[in-house]
Structures are given as C-alpha cells and as structure tokens.
Protein backbone atom coordinates (compact mmCIF):
# COMPACT_ATOMS: atom_id res chain seq x y z
CA UNK A 1 17.40 -6.28 -0.78
CA UNK A 2 15.47 -9.49 -1.29
CA UNK A 3 11.67 -9.44 -1.33
CA UNK A 4 9.88 -12.75 -0.74
CA UNK A 5 8.09 -13.94 -3.87
CA UNK A 6 5.38 -13.58 -4.78
CA UNK A 7 5.36 -10.08 -3.41
CA UNK A 8 2.00 -9.25 -1.91
CA UNK A 9 1.27 -5.64 -1.22
CA UNK A 10 1.15 -4.38 2.28
CA UNK A 11 -0.87 -1.63 3.75
CA UNK A 12 -2.25 0.81 1.30
CA UNK A 13 -4.07 3.73 2.84
CA UNK A 14 -4.13 6.77 0.64
CA UNK A 15 -4.89 10.29 1.79
CA UNK A 16 -4.52 13.94 0.86
CA UNK A 17 -1.61 15.74 2.53
CA UNK A 18 -3.89 18.57 3.66
CA UNK A 19 -5.62 16.06 5.95
CA UNK A 20 -2.52 16.11 8.15
CA UNK A 21 -2.91 12.57 9.51
CA UNK A 22 -0.42 11.46 12.16
CA UNK A 23 2.40 9.54 10.50
CA UNK A 24 5.92 8.34 11.24
CA UNK A 25 9.03 10.05 9.87
CA UNK A 26 10.41 8.15 6.89
CA UNK A 27 13.81 7.69 5.35
CA UNK A 28 14.39 6.97 1.67
CA UNK A 29 16.78 4.06 1.26
CA UNK A 30 16.67 4.06 -2.55
CA UNK A 31 14.42 5.37 -5.30
CA UNK A 32 11.95 2.56 -4.59
CA UNK A 33 12.51 1.69 -0.93
CA UNK A 34 11.60 3.56 2.25
CA UNK A 35 12.06 2.90 5.96
CA UNK A 36 10.18 3.94 9.10
CA UNK A 37 9.72 2.67 12.65
CA UNK A 38 6.58 1.57 14.47
CA UNK A 39 6.62 2.57 18.12
CA UNK A 40 4.18 1.19 20.66
CA UNK A 41 3.70 -1.01 23.71
CA UNK A 42 5.23 -4.06 21.95
CA UNK A 43 8.42 -2.13 21.17
CA UNK A 44 10.06 -0.48 18.19
CA UNK A 45 9.88 -2.26 14.83
CA UNK A 46 11.66 -1.37 11.59
CA UNK A 47 9.30 -1.39 8.62
CA UNK A 48 10.12 -1.08 4.93
CA UNK A 49 7.99 0.01 2.00
CA UNK A 50 9.18 -1.20 -1.39
CA UNK A 51 7.85 -0.42 -4.86
CA UNK A 52 8.57 -3.30 -7.21
CA UNK A 53 8.05 -2.68 -10.92
CA UNK A 54 5.70 -5.38 -12.23
CA UNK A 55 4.66 -3.81 -15.52
CA UNK A 56 5.70 -1.08 -17.94
CA UNK A 57 4.35 1.61 -15.62
CA UNK A 58 2.91 -0.40 -12.74
CA UNK A 59 4.54 -0.73 -9.34
CA UNK A 60 3.51 -3.17 -6.61
CA UNK A 61 3.49 -1.63 -3.15
CA UNK A 62 4.97 -4.13 -0.69
CA UNK A 63 5.45 -3.36 2.95
CA UNK A 64 6.08 -5.06 6.26
CA UNK A 65 8.45 -5.65 9.12
CA UNK A 66 12.09 -5.77 8.09
CA UNK A 67 13.85 -9.01 9.03
CA UNK A 68 17.52 -8.15 9.61
CA UNK A 69 18.61 -11.79 9.44
CA UNK A 70 17.09 -12.65 6.06
CA UNK A 71 17.09 -9.08 4.74
CA UNK A 72 13.48 -9.48 3.62
CA UNK A 73 10.19 -7.76 4.25
CA UNK A 74 7.79 -9.92 6.25
CA UNK A 75 4.29 -8.83 5.25
CA UNK A 76 2.63 -11.52 7.35
CA UNK A 77 3.94 -10.38 10.74
CA UNK A 78 1.16 -8.98 12.92
CA UNK A 79 2.62 -6.19 15.08
CA UNK A 80 -0.34 -5.43 17.34
CA UNK A 81 1.60 -2.33 18.41
CA UNK A 82 -1.55 -0.18 18.72
CA UNK A 83 -0.43 2.12 15.88
CA UNK A 84 -2.14 0.61 12.81
CA UNK A 85 -3.67 3.91 11.68
CA UNK A 86 -0.32 5.71 11.96
CA UNK A 87 1.39 2.92 10.00
CA UNK A 88 -1.27 3.05 7.28
CA UNK A 89 -1.07 6.85 7.09
CA UNK A 90 2.71 6.60 6.76
CA UNK A 91 2.46 4.05 3.95
CA UNK A 92 -0.21 6.20 2.28
CA UNK A 93 2.01 9.28 2.41
CA UNK A 94 4.89 7.29 0.89
CA UNK A 95 2.62 5.93 -1.88
CA UNK A 96 1.34 9.38 -2.84
CA UNK A 97 4.84 10.87 -2.77
CA UNK A 98 6.02 8.01 -4.99
CA UNK A 99 3.16 8.64 -7.44
CA UNK A 100 3.86 12.36 -7.52
CA UNK A 101 7.56 11.75 -8.18
CA UNK A 102 7.30 8.91 -10.72
CA UNK A 103 4.11 9.85 -12.53
CA UNK A 104 2.87 8.70 -14.92
CA UNK A 105 2.64 5.34 -13.21
CA UNK A 106 0.19 3.21 -11.26
CA UNK A 107 0.60 1.80 -7.77
CA UNK A 108 -0.96 -1.63 -7.24
CA UNK A 109 -1.80 -2.93 -3.77
CA UNK A 110 -3.42 -5.98 -2.23
CA UNK A 111 -3.25 -7.11 1.38
CA UNK A 112 -1.42 -10.28 2.35
CA UNK A 113 -4.75 -11.51 3.76
CA UNK A 114 -8.38 -10.66 2.94
CA UNK A 115 -8.66 -8.98 6.35
CA UNK A 116 -5.74 -6.69 5.61
CA UNK A 117 -7.13 -5.82 2.20
CA UNK A 118 -10.41 -4.93 3.92
CA UNK A 119 -8.57 -2.70 6.41
CA UNK A 120 -6.88 -0.87 3.55
CA UNK A 121 -10.21 -0.43 1.80
CA UNK A 122 -11.74 1.12 4.91
CA UNK A 123 -8.95 3.69 4.99
CA UNK A 124 -9.28 4.42 1.29
CA UNK A 125 -13.06 4.76 1.58
CA UNK A 126 -12.75 7.11 4.53
CA UNK A 127 -10.61 9.50 2.47
CA UNK A 128 -11.95 8.89 -1.05
CA UNK A 129 -13.52 12.34 -1.53
CA UNK A 130 -10.15 14.02 -0.99
CA UNK A 131 -8.26 11.45 -3.03
CA UNK A 132 -10.34 11.79 -6.17
CA UNK A 133 -9.39 15.46 -6.50
CA UNK A 134 -5.92 14.46 -7.67
CA UNK A 135 -5.86 10.65 -8.01
CA UNK A 136 -7.86 7.96 -9.73
CA UNK A 137 -8.56 5.04 -7.40
CA UNK A 138 -9.75 1.71 -8.81
CA UNK A 139 -10.86 -1.48 -7.08
CA UNK A 140 -10.69 -5.01 -8.44
CA UNK A 141 -13.92 -7.07 -8.33
CA UNK A 142 -13.31 -10.46 -10.02
CA UNK A 143 -12.75 -13.63 -8.05
CA UNK A 144 -9.19 -14.77 -8.64
CA UNK A 145 -6.49 -15.85 -6.25
CA UNK A 146 -3.44 -15.12 -8.42
CA UNK A 147 -2.22 -11.62 -7.66
CA UNK A 148 -0.95 -11.07 -11.19
CA UNK A 149 -4.32 -12.03 -12.73
CA UNK A 150 -5.54 -8.72 -11.33
CA UNK A 151 -3.35 -6.77 -13.69
CA UNK A 152 -4.34 -8.73 -16.79
CA UNK A 153 -8.08 -8.42 -16.22
CA UNK A 154 -8.90 -4.88 -17.32
CA UNK A 155 -12.68 -5.39 -17.31
CA UNK A 156 -12.75 -6.15 -13.57
CA UNK A 157 -11.34 -2.80 -12.42
CA UNK A 158 -13.92 -0.20 -11.28
CA UNK A 159 -13.90 3.25 -9.75
CA UNK A 160 -14.13 2.79 -5.97
CA UNK A 161 -17.69 2.84 -4.64
CA UNK A 162 -18.88 2.82 -1.03
CA UNK A 163 -20.26 -0.53 0.16
CA UNK A 164 -18.44 -2.69 -2.41
CA UNK A 165 -15.66 -5.04 -1.31
CA UNK A 166 -12.60 -5.16 -3.57
CA UNK A 167 -9.78 -7.69 -3.89
CA UNK A 168 -7.05 -5.19 -4.83
CA UNK A 169 -6.47 -1.50 -5.55
CA UNK A 170 -4.80 0.60 -8.20
CA UNK A 171 -4.08 4.30 -7.81
CA UNK A 172 -2.73 6.73 -10.37
CA UNK A 173 -2.43 10.47 -10.71
CA UNK A 174 -5.06 12.12 -12.90
C-alpha cells in the first residue's frame, strides 16, 4: 500500500469501550492497516486506517477514503455521508485496540485541516474523563506547520485541558 507523503493523520476520536459508541465493523488487513465502510445517503465508501511508524515507538494514525485506482488513502476527501460520529468512533476503537496490542507505543494524530483537528479535539474532550483512566492524552500547543516538528518539540506537549485548542494529539497507555 502506498500512503501519500507527508502522511497527515486522519480522524482521531478516542473513547473507552464501555461507552459502547456506535461504530462500523472493521477488518484487519495487516498488523498496521484496517478497513471499514462508511454507509449513508451518499453511498458506501471504503475507508482505511493505517499506522505508520515515524519514531522508535511512535506511530502516525492516517485515515481516509481508499482510492482503488492509486491504492492510496485520500485524507482530504470530504464524505458528507452523515456518519461522521460513527466514523470517528470506529477510528477511535481501532486506535485504542492498536495501543493495547502494541504497547508500549504512542499514537500521533493531526487532522489534514485545522477544522478536522478541531473536530477530533471535540470528540477527545467529550470522552476525556473515561480516557484518562487507562490512557495519557497530550495536546500540542506550539505554532508550527511542519507535522514532524511536533514530535521534536517535547516542551510544547501538555495534558489535554478543556477550552484549549491543540494542533496535534498524542495518546499512550499508562
């Protein structure tokens, strides 16, 4: 599989399994790639979630619509299939399962646009009290445009707080 470079993370909504959020069935394609389908009024779309190792124990979460022709994930495609929350819950479930299976590691995520990053943050914030029981969730505060600068700037990572806008997220098991 080819992932467009630079890989920008897709949706990253984390949640506790006991919350039982609606989600799509998933299929594991490899140890670091998963597939599911969005179903709504615009049709059925194949989506892939891919964890790309970008550091010794850091994986970038990339996700989007699968393009059969180019065999790439398109993280810029806007589905508007009226199932955003189900998609985000599905990606969240996959991310937590990946963390539980590959721990110790960190999962890094940033939206392909500031608006998408904000949407992910709203989901994380909504479920933060359940998340912090088992996971450590950090947000990135510095102003940089290079996605990989996030990882090198240790002093700009903070525990997630309500009312603060972050540029990226990092989650790890405690």
